[in-house]
All heavy atoms as atom14 arrays in JSON, in Angstrom:
{
  "sequence": "GQVQAGGPLSLSCAASTPIGSPNTMEWHRQAPGKQRELV",
  "atom14_mask": [
    [1, 1, 1, 1, 0, 0, 0, 0, 0, 0, 0, 0, 0, 0],
    [1, 1, 1, 1, 1, 1, 1, 1, 1, 0, 0, 0, 0, 0],
    [1, 1, 1, 1, 1, 1, 1, 0, 0, 0, 0, 0, 0, 0],
    [1, 1, 1, 1, 1, 1, 1, 1, 1, 0, 0, 0, 0, 0],
    [1, 1, 1, 1, 1, 0, 0, 0, 0, 0, 0, 0, 0, 0],
    [1, 1, 1, 1, 0, 0, 0, 0, 0, 0, 0, 0, 0, 0],
    [1, 1, 1, 1, 0, 0, 0, 0, 0, 0, 0, 0, 0, 0],
    [1, 1, 1, 1, 1, 1, 1, 0, 0, 0, 0, 0, 0, 0],
    [1, 1, 1, 1, 1, 1, 1, 1, 0, 0, 0, 0, 0, 0],
    [1, 1, 1, 1, 1, 1, 0, 0, 0, 0, 0, 0, 0, 0],
    [1, 1, 1, 1, 1, 1, 1, 1, 0, 0, 0, 0, 0, 0],
    [1, 1, 1, 1, 1, 1, 0, 0, 0, 0, 0, 0, 0, 0],
    [1, 1, 1, 1, 1, 1, 0, 0, 0, 0, 0, 0, 0, 0],
    [1, 1, 1, 1, 1, 0, 0, 0, 0, 0, 0, 0, 0, 0],
    [1, 1, 1, 1, 1, 0, 0, 0, 0, 0, 0, 0, 0, 0],
    [1, 1, 1, 1, 1, 1, 0, 0, 0, 0, 0, 0, 0, 0],
    [1, 1, 1, 1, 1, 1, 1, 0, 0, 0, 0, 0, 0, 0],
    [1, 1, 1, 1, 1, 1, 1, 0, 0, 0, 0, 0, 0, 0],
    [1, 1, 1, 1, 1, 1, 1, 1, 0, 0, 0, 0, 0, 0],
    [1, 1, 1, 1, 0, 0, 0, 0, 0, 0, 0, 0, 0, 0],
    [1, 1, 1, 1, 1, 1, 0, 0, 0, 0, 0, 0, 0, 0],
    [1, 1, 1, 1, 1, 1, 1, 0, 0, 0, 0, 0, 0, 0],
    [1, 1, 1, 1, 1, 1, 1, 1, 0, 0, 0, 0, 0, 0],
    [1, 1, 1, 1, 1, 1, 1, 0, 0, 0, 0, 0, 0, 0],
    [1, 1, 1, 1, 1, 1, 1, 1, 0, 0, 0, 0, 0, 0],
    [1, 1, 1, 1, 1, 1, 1, 1, 1, 0, 0, 0, 0, 0],
    [1, 1, 1, 1, 1, 1, 1, 1, 1, 1, 1, 1, 1, 1],
    [1, 1, 1, 1, 1, 1, 1, 1, 1, 1, 0, 0, 0, 0],
    [1, 1, 1, 1, 1, 1, 1, 1, 1, 1, 1, 0, 0, 0],
    [1, 1, 1, 1, 1, 1, 1, 1, 1, 0, 0, 0, 0, 0],
    [1, 1, 1, 1, 1, 0, 0, 0, 0, 0, 0, 0, 0, 0],
    [1, 1, 1, 1, 1, 1, 1, 0, 0, 0, 0, 0, 0, 0],
    [1, 1, 1, 1, 0, 0, 0, 0, 0, 0, 0, 0, 0, 0],
    [1, 1, 1, 1, 1, 1, 1, 1, 1, 0, 0, 0, 0, 0],
    [1, 1, 1, 1, 1, 1, 1, 1, 1, 0, 0, 0, 0, 0],
    [1, 1, 1, 1, 1, 1, 1, 1, 1, 1, 1, 0, 0, 0],
    [1, 1, 1, 1, 1, 1, 1, 1, 1, 0, 0, 0, 0, 0],
    [1, 1, 1, 1, 1, 1, 1, 1, 0, 0, 0, 0, 0, 0],
    [1, 1, 1, 1, 1, 1, 1, 0, 0, 0, 0, 0, 0, 0]
  ],
  "atom14_positions": [
    [[5.93, -12.59, -43.88], [6.63, -12.37, -42.63], [6.12, -11.07, -41.91], [5.05, -10.52, -42.31], [0.0, 0.0, 0.0], [0.0, 0.0, 0.0], [0.0, 0.0, 0.0], [0.0, 0.0, 0.0], [0.0, 0.0, 0.0], [0.0, 0.0, 0.0], [0.0, 0.0, 0.0], [0.0, 0.0, 0.0], [0.0, 0.0, 0.0], [0.0, 0.0, 0.0]],
    [[6.85, -10.73, -40.93], [6.54, -9.47, -40.17], [7.48, -8.46, -40.53], [8.74, -8.68, -40.57], [6.56, -9.73, -38.73], [6.02, -8.54, -37.86], [5.7, -8.94, -36.4], [5.6, -10.08, -36.12], [5.57, -7.88, -35.58], [0.0, 0.0, 0.0], [0.0, 0.0, 0.0], [0.0, 0.0, 0.0], [0.0, 0.0, 0.0], [0.0, 0.0, 0.0]],
    [[7.04, -7.23, -40.75], [7.87, -6.03, -41.08], [7.28, -4.86, -40.41], [6.08, -4.7, -40.19], [7.92, -5.95, -42.63], [6.6, -5.6, -43.18], [8.99, -4.89, -42.95], [0.0, 0.0, 0.0], [0.0, 0.0, 0.0], [0.0, 0.0, 0.0], [0.0, 0.0, 0.0], [0.0, 0.0, 0.0], [0.0, 0.0, 0.0], [0.0, 0.0, 0.0]],
    [[8.12, -3.86, -40.11], [7.76, -2.55, -39.51], [7.11, -1.71, -40.61], [7.53, -1.78, -41.79], [8.91, -1.89, -38.85], [9.26, -2.5, -37.46], [10.11, -1.54, -36.72], [10.95, -0.93, -37.23], [9.89, -1.54, -35.34], [0.0, 0.0, 0.0], [0.0, 0.0, 0.0], [0.0, 0.0, 0.0], [0.0, 0.0, 0.0], [0.0, 0.0, 0.0]],
    [[6.2, -0.95, -40.2], [5.57, 0.04, -41.06], [6.63, 0.83, -41.85], [7.62, 1.3, -41.16], [4.54, 0.99, -40.44], [0.0, 0.0, 0.0], [0.0, 0.0, 0.0], [0.0, 0.0, 0.0], [0.0, 0.0, 0.0], [0.0, 0.0, 0.0], [0.0, 0.0, 0.0], [0.0, 0.0, 0.0], [0.0, 0.0, 0.0], [0.0, 0.0, 0.0]],
    [[6.47, 1.01, -43.13], [7.44, 1.84, -43.83], [8.43, 0.99, -44.52], [9.24, 1.34, -45.39], [0.0, 0.0, 0.0], [0.0, 0.0, 0.0], [0.0, 0.0, 0.0], [0.0, 0.0, 0.0], [0.0, 0.0, 0.0], [0.0, 0.0, 0.0], [0.0, 0.0, 0.0], [0.0, 0.0, 0.0], [0.0, 0.0, 0.0], [0.0, 0.0, 0.0]],
    [[8.59, -0.29, -44.14], [9.66, -1.26, -44.56], [9.08, -1.89, -45.85], [8.03, -1.86, -46.28], [0.0, 0.0, 0.0], [0.0, 0.0, 0.0], [0.0, 0.0, 0.0], [0.0, 0.0, 0.0], [0.0, 0.0, 0.0], [0.0, 0.0, 0.0], [0.0, 0.0, 0.0], [0.0, 0.0, 0.0], [0.0, 0.0, 0.0], [0.0, 0.0, 0.0]],
    [[10.03, -2.7, -46.52], [9.85, -3.51, -47.63], [9.62, -5.04, -47.39], [10.07, -5.47, -46.42], [11.03, -3.22, -48.61], [12.08, -3.17, -47.61], [11.53, -2.6, -46.32], [0.0, 0.0, 0.0], [0.0, 0.0, 0.0], [0.0, 0.0, 0.0], [0.0, 0.0, 0.0], [0.0, 0.0, 0.0], [0.0, 0.0, 0.0], [0.0, 0.0, 0.0]],
    [[9.02, -5.61, -48.38], [8.82, -7.1, -48.38], [8.57, -7.55, -49.68], [7.91, -6.87, -50.49], [7.67, -7.58, -47.41], [7.72, -8.87, -46.75], [9.0, -9.07, -45.87], [6.4, -9.16, -45.94], [0.0, 0.0, 0.0], [0.0, 0.0, 0.0], [0.0, 0.0, 0.0], [0.0, 0.0, 0.0], [0.0, 0.0, 0.0], [0.0, 0.0, 0.0]],
    [[9.16, -8.74, -50.02], [9.03, -9.26, -51.41], [8.36, -10.66, -51.24], [8.82, -11.5, -50.49], [10.3, -9.33, -52.09], [10.12, -9.77, -53.42], [0.0, 0.0, 0.0], [0.0, 0.0, 0.0], [0.0, 0.0, 0.0], [0.0, 0.0, 0.0], [0.0, 0.0, 0.0], [0.0, 0.0, 0.0], [0.0, 0.0, 0.0], [0.0, 0.0, 0.0]],
    [[7.35, -10.89, -52.09], [6.75, -12.18, -52.2], [7.02, -12.86, -53.47], [7.14, -12.15, -54.52], [5.17, -12.09, -51.95], [4.72, -11.34, -50.73], [3.15, -11.36, -50.8], [5.21, -11.92, -49.45], [0.0, 0.0, 0.0], [0.0, 0.0, 0.0], [0.0, 0.0, 0.0], [0.0, 0.0, 0.0], [0.0, 0.0, 0.0], [0.0, 0.0, 0.0]],
    [[7.02, -14.1, -53.49], [7.25, -14.87, -54.7], [6.17, -15.96, -54.86], [5.57, -16.35, -53.88], [8.61, -15.53, -54.88], [8.75, -16.54, -53.9], [0.0, 0.0, 0.0], [0.0, 0.0, 0.0], [0.0, 0.0, 0.0], [0.0, 0.0, 0.0], [0.0, 0.0, 0.0], [0.0, 0.0, 0.0], [0.0, 0.0, 0.0], [0.0, 0.0, 0.0]],
    [[5.85, -16.3, -56.07], [4.81, -17.33, -56.45], [5.45, -18.18, -57.48], [5.62, -17.71, -58.67], [3.55, -16.65, -56.82], [2.35, -17.79, -57.41], [0.0, 0.0, 0.0], [0.0, 0.0, 0.0], [0.0, 0.0, 0.0], [0.0, 0.0, 0.0], [0.0, 0.0, 0.0], [0.0, 0.0, 0.0], [0.0, 0.0, 0.0], [0.0, 0.0, 0.0]],
    [[5.66, -19.42, -57.25], [6.31, -20.36, -58.24], [5.27, -21.38, -58.62], [4.66, -22.03, -57.72], [7.58, -21.0, -57.65], [0.0, 0.0, 0.0], [0.0, 0.0, 0.0], [0.0, 0.0, 0.0], [0.0, 0.0, 0.0], [0.0, 0.0, 0.0], [0.0, 0.0, 0.0], [0.0, 0.0, 0.0], [0.0, 0.0, 0.0], [0.0, 0.0, 0.0]],
    [[5.05, -21.58, -59.9], [4.19, -22.64, -60.49], [4.94, -23.97, -60.52], [6.2, -24.0, -60.92], [3.58, -22.23, -61.73], [0.0, 0.0, 0.0], [0.0, 0.0, 0.0], [0.0, 0.0, 0.0], [0.0, 0.0, 0.0], [0.0, 0.0, 0.0], [0.0, 0.0, 0.0], [0.0, 0.0, 0.0], [0.0, 0.0, 0.0], [0.0, 0.0, 0.0]],
    [[4.31, -25.07, -60.37], [4.96, -26.42, -60.32], [5.24, -26.85, -61.8], [6.1, -27.76, -61.97], [4.07, -27.4, -59.57], [2.86, -27.5, -60.17], [0.0, 0.0, 0.0], [0.0, 0.0, 0.0], [0.0, 0.0, 0.0], [0.0, 0.0, 0.0], [0.0, 0.0, 0.0], [0.0, 0.0, 0.0], [0.0, 0.0, 0.0], [0.0, 0.0, 0.0]],
    [[4.5, -26.34, -62.73], [4.7, -26.82, -64.06], [4.65, -25.54, -65.06], [4.17, -24.52, -64.62], [3.59, -27.73, -64.52], [2.29, -27.07, -64.45], [3.51, -29.04, -63.56], [0.0, 0.0, 0.0], [0.0, 0.0, 0.0], [0.0, 0.0, 0.0], [0.0, 0.0, 0.0], [0.0, 0.0, 0.0], [0.0, 0.0, 0.0], [0.0, 0.0, 0.0]],
    [[5.17, -25.68, -66.22], [4.92, -24.64, -67.2], [3.47, -24.26, -67.3], [2.58, -25.16, -67.38], [5.42, -25.17, -68.47], [6.51, -26.19, -68.06], [5.92, -26.78, -66.76], [0.0, 0.0, 0.0], [0.0, 0.0, 0.0], [0.0, 0.0, 0.0], [0.0, 0.0, 0.0], [0.0, 0.0, 0.0], [0.0, 0.0, 0.0], [0.0, 0.0, 0.0]],
    [[3.22, -22.99, -67.34], [1.81, -22.5, -67.19], [1.12, -22.08, -68.47], [-0.03, -21.79, -68.55], [1.59, -21.44, -66.18], [2.58, -20.32, -66.48], [1.94, -21.99, -64.74], [2.42, -19.16, -65.52], [0.0, 0.0, 0.0], [0.0, 0.0, 0.0], [0.0, 0.0, 0.0], [0.0, 0.0, 0.0], [0.0, 0.0, 0.0], [0.0, 0.0, 0.0]],
    [[1.87, -22.11, -69.68], [1.29, -22.01, -70.79], [0.88, -20.6, -71.09], [1.06, -19.7, -70.39], [0.0, 0.0, 0.0], [0.0, 0.0, 0.0], [0.0, 0.0, 0.0], [0.0, 0.0, 0.0], [0.0, 0.0, 0.0], [0.0, 0.0, 0.0], [0.0, 0.0, 0.0], [0.0, 0.0, 0.0], [0.0, 0.0, 0.0], [0.0, 0.0, 0.0]],
    [[0.11, -20.45, -72.22], [-0.3, -19.09, -72.64], [-1.69, -19.25, -73.35], [-1.96, -20.14, -73.96], [0.74, -18.53, -73.66], [0.37, -17.19, -74.12], [0.0, 0.0, 0.0], [0.0, 0.0, 0.0], [0.0, 0.0, 0.0], [0.0, 0.0, 0.0], [0.0, 0.0, 0.0], [0.0, 0.0, 0.0], [0.0, 0.0, 0.0], [0.0, 0.0, 0.0]],
    [[-2.58, -18.19, -73.19], [-2.35, -17.01, -72.46], [-2.64, -17.19, -70.97], [-3.2, -18.26, -70.6], [-3.42, -16.03, -73.0], [-4.53, -16.96, -73.48], [-3.83, -18.18, -73.97], [0.0, 0.0, 0.0], [0.0, 0.0, 0.0], [0.0, 0.0, 0.0], [0.0, 0.0, 0.0], [0.0, 0.0, 0.0], [0.0, 0.0, 0.0], [0.0, 0.0, 0.0]],
    [[-2.12, -16.35, -70.09], [-2.37, -16.4, -68.71], [-2.17, -15.17, -68.02], [-1.39, -14.31, -68.55], [-1.63, -17.55, -68.09], [-0.11, -17.26, -68.02], [0.28, -16.44, -67.21], [0.7, -17.89, -68.87], [0.0, 0.0, 0.0], [0.0, 0.0, 0.0], [0.0, 0.0, 0.0], [0.0, 0.0, 0.0], [0.0, 0.0, 0.0], [0.0, 0.0, 0.0]],
    [[-2.72, -14.97, -66.87], [-2.52, -13.81, -66.03], [-2.26, -14.32, -64.63], [-2.87, -15.23, -64.16], [-3.76, -12.98, -66.03], [-4.04, -12.41, -67.33], [-3.51, -11.72, -65.1], [0.0, 0.0, 0.0], [0.0, 0.0, 0.0], [0.0, 0.0, 0.0], [0.0, 0.0, 0.0], [0.0, 0.0, 0.0], [0.0, 0.0, 0.0], [0.0, 0.0, 0.0]],
    [[-1.28, -13.77, -64.0], [-0.99, -14.05, -62.64], [-1.44, -12.9, -61.76], [-1.16, -11.75, -62.06], [0.5, -14.39, -62.38], [0.94, -15.61, -63.18], [2.59, -16.2, -62.78], [2.32, -17.05, -61.24], [0.0, 0.0, 0.0], [0.0, 0.0, 0.0], [0.0, 0.0, 0.0], [0.0, 0.0, 0.0], [0.0, 0.0, 0.0], [0.0, 0.0, 0.0]],
    [[-2.03, -13.14, -60.73], [-2.59, -12.16, -59.84], [-2.12, -12.37, -58.35], [-1.91, -13.51, -57.88], [-4.12, -12.17, -59.89], [-4.69, -11.91, -61.23], [-6.23, -11.9, -61.23], [-6.77, -12.18, -60.23], [-6.7, -11.48, -62.27], [0.0, 0.0, 0.0], [0.0, 0.0, 0.0], [0.0, 0.0, 0.0], [0.0, 0.0, 0.0], [0.0, 0.0, 0.0]],
    [[-2.12, -11.26, -57.68], [-1.94, -11.24, -56.14], [-3.21, -10.74, -55.54], [-3.65, -9.59, -55.93], [-0.75, -10.44, -55.77], [0.58, -11.03, -56.17], [1.36, -10.83, -57.26], [1.28, -12.07, -55.4], [2.53, -11.54, -57.3], [2.46, -12.36, -56.12], [1.09, -12.72, -54.22], [3.45, -13.29, -55.65], [1.98, -13.6, -53.75], [3.12, -13.89, -54.49]],
    [[-3.68, -11.4, -54.59], [-4.84, -11.05, -53.78], [-4.43, -11.0, -52.3], [-3.43, -11.68, -51.96], [-6.05, -12.08, -53.96], [-6.53, -12.12, -55.41], [-7.78, -11.7, -55.69], [-5.97, -12.51, -56.49], [-7.97, -11.95, -57.07], [-6.83, -12.39, -57.49], [0.0, 0.0, 0.0], [0.0, 0.0, 0.0], [0.0, 0.0, 0.0], [0.0, 0.0, 0.0]],
    [[-5.17, -10.34, -51.45], [-4.97, -10.44, -50.11], [-6.26, -10.44, -49.33], [-7.33, -9.9, -49.83], [-4.1, -9.29, -49.65], [-4.74, -7.87, -49.65], [-3.79, -6.8, -49.28], [-4.4, -5.52, -49.48], [-3.78, -4.38, -49.43], [-2.38, -4.34, -49.19], [-4.33, -3.13, -49.44], [0.0, 0.0, 0.0], [0.0, 0.0, 0.0], [0.0, 0.0, 0.0]],
    [[-6.21, -10.95, -48.21], [-7.41, -11.0, -47.37], [-6.97, -10.55, -45.92], [-6.21, -11.3, -45.23], [-8.05, -12.37, -47.27], [-9.38, -12.44, -46.54], [-10.15, -13.7, -46.86], [-9.61, -14.71, -47.41], [-11.45, -13.57, -46.64], [0.0, 0.0, 0.0], [0.0, 0.0, 0.0], [0.0, 0.0, 0.0], [0.0, 0.0, 0.0], [0.0, 0.0, 0.0]],
    [[-7.56, -9.48, -45.48], [-7.42, -9.03, -44.12], [-8.37, -9.59, -43.23], [-9.36, -10.0, -43.61], [-7.41, -7.45, -44.14], [0.0, 0.0, 0.0], [0.0, 0.0, 0.0], [0.0, 0.0, 0.0], [0.0, 0.0, 0.0], [0.0, 0.0, 0.0], [0.0, 0.0, 0.0], [0.0, 0.0, 0.0], [0.0, 0.0, 0.0], [0.0, 0.0, 0.0]],
    [[-8.0, -9.59, -41.95], [-8.92, -10.29, -41.03], [-10.28, -9.58, -40.99], [-10.4, -8.31, -41.0], [-8.22, -10.03, -39.64], [-6.81, -9.88, -39.94], [-6.74, -9.23, -41.33], [0.0, 0.0, 0.0], [0.0, 0.0, 0.0], [0.0, 0.0, 0.0], [0.0, 0.0, 0.0], [0.0, 0.0, 0.0], [0.0, 0.0, 0.0], [0.0, 0.0, 0.0]],
    [[-11.34, -10.4, -41.13], [-12.71, -9.77, -41.18], [-13.13, -9.14, -42.48], [-14.19, -8.61, -42.53], [0.0, 0.0, 0.0], [0.0, 0.0, 0.0], [0.0, 0.0, 0.0], [0.0, 0.0, 0.0], [0.0, 0.0, 0.0], [0.0, 0.0, 0.0], [0.0, 0.0, 0.0], [0.0, 0.0, 0.0], [0.0, 0.0, 0.0], [0.0, 0.0, 0.0]],
    [[-12.22, -9.21, -43.44], [-12.59, -8.57, -44.71], [-12.62, -9.62, -45.87], [-12.08, -10.68, -45.77], [-11.53, -7.47, -45.01], [-11.63, -6.32, -44.03], [-10.8, -5.22, -44.5], [-10.89, -4.0, -43.51], [-10.09, -2.85, -43.96], [0.0, 0.0, 0.0], [0.0, 0.0, 0.0], [0.0, 0.0, 0.0], [0.0, 0.0, 0.0], [0.0, 0.0, 0.0]],
    [[-13.16, -9.15, -46.99], [-13.21, -10.0, -48.17], [-11.85, -10.0, -48.88], [-11.07, -9.04, -48.73], [-14.28, -9.51, -49.13], [-15.64, -9.86, -48.68], [-16.73, -9.49, -49.68], [-16.55, -8.62, -50.57], [-17.82, -10.24, -49.69], [0.0, 0.0, 0.0], [0.0, 0.0, 0.0], [0.0, 0.0, 0.0], [0.0, 0.0, 0.0], [0.0, 0.0, 0.0]],
    [[-11.58, -10.98, -49.64], [-10.36, -11.07, -50.41], [-10.46, -10.07, -51.47], [-11.48, -9.88, -52.11], [-10.21, -12.42, -50.97], [-8.83, -12.73, -51.59], [-8.71, -14.2, -52.05], [-8.78, -15.09, -50.94], [-8.48, -16.42, -51.04], [-8.23, -16.91, -52.17], [-8.68, -17.21, -50.01], [0.0, 0.0, 0.0], [0.0, 0.0, 0.0], [0.0, 0.0, 0.0]],
    [[-9.32, -9.31, -51.68], [-9.27, -8.31, -52.67], [-8.15, -8.48, -53.65], [-7.06, -8.97, -53.18], [-9.24, -6.87, -52.15], [-7.96, -6.63, -51.24], [-7.88, -5.21, -50.72], [-8.58, -4.32, -51.19], [-6.99, -4.99, -49.84], [0.0, 0.0, 0.0], [0.0, 0.0, 0.0], [0.0, 0.0, 0.0], [0.0, 0.0, 0.0], [0.0, 0.0, 0.0]],
    [[-8.31, -8.01, -54.87], [-7.25, -8.05, -55.85], [-6.3, -6.96, -55.57], [-6.63, -5.77, -55.42], [-7.87, -7.95, -57.26], [-6.82, -7.86, -58.35], [-5.99, -9.14, -58.45], [-7.5, -7.58, -59.75], [0.0, 0.0, 0.0], [0.0, 0.0, 0.0], [0.0, 0.0, 0.0], [0.0, 0.0, 0.0], [0.0, 0.0, 0.0], [0.0, 0.0, 0.0]],
    [[-5.03, -7.32, -55.52], [-3.97, -6.34, -55.27], [-3.2, -5.86, -56.51], [-3.06, -4.74, -56.81], [-2.94, -6.82, -54.24], [-1.71, -5.94, -54.04], [-3.6, -7.16, -52.91], [0.0, 0.0, 0.0], [0.0, 0.0, 0.0], [0.0, 0.0, 0.0], [0.0, 0.0, 0.0], [0.0, 0.0, 0.0], [0.0, 0.0, 0.0], [0.0, 0.0, 0.0]]
  ]
}
């Protein structure tokens, strides 16, 4: 969503099925005109 600078925001990511082991969950982001980066 949209938030003012200095504010908080929380994202969630839910998998549709049990995801087993081992595994790693990652958050990436892509800004306009930039490459996707690992956060």
